[in-house]
Amino acid sequence: GYIFGGFCDTPWSCNGGYKASPKAFIFTIKCYSGLAPTKMKLKQNKMGSAVWHSSDCGPSFGCDIDVCYVSDSRADIGNYYELPSGQTGNNFLTGSKKCNGSEIEVFSVHQNL
């Protein structure tokens, strides 16, 4: 299978709406196109819409859904996150814009003071 994901520094909630996350990025470790592990940064002019929070779907990165993690997931990179050079946004991760994840993991990072 393919391995990709995202990071945001904004705590997830179910209240709905776009959230800013200046440190947000998405990444691929293993993807359909064979690209080496790659980090895709949030575009500078999209800082206010880094992630979408909703009780209707899992973690969603980007406003036009760059990556959405639900049973009927979508991956269309390049709308809000930088697309790697030479790649097509809707198929380089999994070979298709739509994909079904077999495993989704969510982690929380806590800083010790």
Protein backbone atom coordinates (compact mmCIF):
# COMPACT_ATOMS: atom_id res chain seq x y z
CA GLY A 1 0.00 0.00 0.00
CA TYR A 2 0.84 3.66 -0.07
CA ILE A 3 1.83 5.75 2.92
CA PHE A 4 1.01 9.46 3.11
CA GLY A 5 -0.32 11.88 5.68
CA GLY A 6 -0.32 15.35 7.11
CA PHE A 7 0.63 17.44 10.10
CA CYS A 8 -1.04 20.50 11.59
CA ASP A 9 -0.33 22.44 14.74
CA THR A 10 -4.01 23.22 15.34
CA PRO A 11 -5.95 20.87 17.65
CA TRP A 12 -8.71 18.98 15.81
CA SER A 13 -12.32 19.78 16.68
CA CYS A 14 -15.77 18.92 15.38
CA ASN A 15 -17.14 22.46 15.22
CA GLY A 16 -16.83 22.81 11.43
CA GLY A 17 -14.89 25.37 9.51
CA TYR A 18 -11.49 26.13 8.08
CA LYS A 19 -8.62 26.63 10.49
CA ALA A 20 -5.24 28.30 10.16
CA SER A 21 -2.17 26.18 10.80
CA PRO A 22 1.06 27.92 9.76
CA LYS A 23 3.16 24.80 10.34
CA ALA A 24 0.85 22.45 8.39
CA PHE A 25 2.20 20.16 5.68
CA ILE A 26 1.32 16.94 3.92
CA PHE A 27 3.81 14.23 3.06
CA THR A 28 4.30 11.01 1.19
CA ILE A 29 6.57 8.17 2.26
CA LYS A 30 5.48 5.68 -0.41
CA CYS A 31 3.27 6.69 -3.33
CA TYR A 32 1.98 5.47 -6.70
CA SER A 33 4.34 7.65 -8.76
CA GLY A 34 7.43 6.23 -7.03
CA LEU A 35 8.47 9.67 -5.76
CA ALA A 36 11.00 9.63 -2.92
CA PRO A 37 9.62 10.64 0.51
CA THR A 38 8.45 14.23 0.09
CA LYS A 39 7.10 17.03 2.28
CA MET A 40 4.54 19.36 0.64
CA LYS A 41 4.23 22.73 2.34
CA LEU A 42 1.11 24.82 2.66
CA LYS A 43 1.04 27.62 0.07
CA GLN A 44 1.79 31.03 1.60
CA ASN A 45 -1.50 32.56 0.42
CA LYS A 46 -3.57 29.69 1.92
CA MET A 47 -2.51 29.92 5.58
CA GLY A 48 -6.07 30.59 6.78
CA SER A 49 -7.47 27.40 5.21
CA ALA A 50 -4.83 24.84 6.10
CA VAL A 51 -7.31 22.30 7.48
CA TRP A 52 -11.06 21.68 7.59
CA HIS A 53 -12.65 20.66 10.89
CA SER A 54 -15.96 18.80 10.83
CA SER A 55 -17.78 15.98 12.58
CA ASP A 56 -18.78 14.65 9.13
CA CYS A 57 -15.31 13.64 7.99
CA GLY A 58 -11.87 12.83 9.28
CA PRO A 59 -8.81 15.04 9.00
CA SER A 60 -8.98 17.19 5.88
CA PHE A 61 -6.06 19.24 4.60
CA GLY A 62 -6.81 22.21 2.34
CA CYS A 63 -9.94 24.01 1.27
CA ASP A 64 -10.55 22.30 -2.08
CA ILE A 65 -9.56 19.05 -0.36
CA ASP A 66 -5.93 18.39 -1.06
CA VAL A 67 -6.18 15.32 1.17
CA CYS A 68 -9.27 14.08 3.03
CA TYR A 69 -9.11 10.95 5.19
CA VAL A 70 -12.48 9.20 5.26
CA SER A 71 -13.83 5.90 3.90
CA ASP A 72 -14.26 7.54 0.49
CA SER A 73 -11.08 9.60 0.56
CA ARG A 74 -9.85 12.10 -1.99
CA ALA A 75 -6.34 13.20 -2.76
CA ASP A 76 -5.93 16.11 -5.16
CA ILE A 77 -2.70 17.87 -4.22
CA GLY A 78 -1.86 21.34 -5.47
CA ASN A 79 -4.90 23.37 -4.48
CA TYR A 80 -3.62 24.49 -1.09
CA TYR A 81 -0.40 22.53 -0.70
CA GLU A 82 2.59 22.69 -3.05
CA LEU A 83 2.60 20.00 -5.71
CA PRO A 84 5.99 18.32 -6.30
CA SER A 85 7.56 19.23 -9.62
CA GLY A 86 6.54 16.99 -12.51
CA GLN A 87 3.58 15.43 -10.66
CA THR A 88 -0.15 15.48 -11.42
CA GLY A 89 -2.13 16.41 -8.32
CA ASN A 90 -5.00 13.98 -8.61
CA ASN A 91 -3.09 10.75 -9.10
CA PHE A 92 0.52 10.77 -7.94
CA LEU A 93 -0.29 9.60 -4.38
CA THR A 94 -2.51 6.58 -5.19
CA GLY A 95 -2.99 6.49 -8.97
CA SER A 96 -6.48 8.00 -8.68
CA LYS A 97 -8.17 11.04 -7.16
CA LYS A 98 -10.36 8.73 -5.05
CA CYS A 99 -8.89 6.20 -2.66
CA ASN A 100 -9.88 4.05 0.28
CA GLY A 101 -7.57 3.93 3.25
CA SER A 102 -7.06 0.60 4.93
CA GLU A 103 -5.59 2.22 8.02
CA ILE A 104 -5.80 5.75 9.39
CA GLU A 105 -3.77 6.86 12.38
CA VAL A 106 -4.07 10.17 14.21
CA PHE A 107 -1.43 11.31 16.71
CA SER A 108 -1.33 14.18 19.14
CA VAL A 109 1.94 15.86 20.01
CA HIS A 110 2.29 17.36 23.49
CA GLN A 111 5.11 19.62 24.53
CA ASN A 112 6.52 19.10 28.01
CA LEU A 113 6.99 22.38 29.83
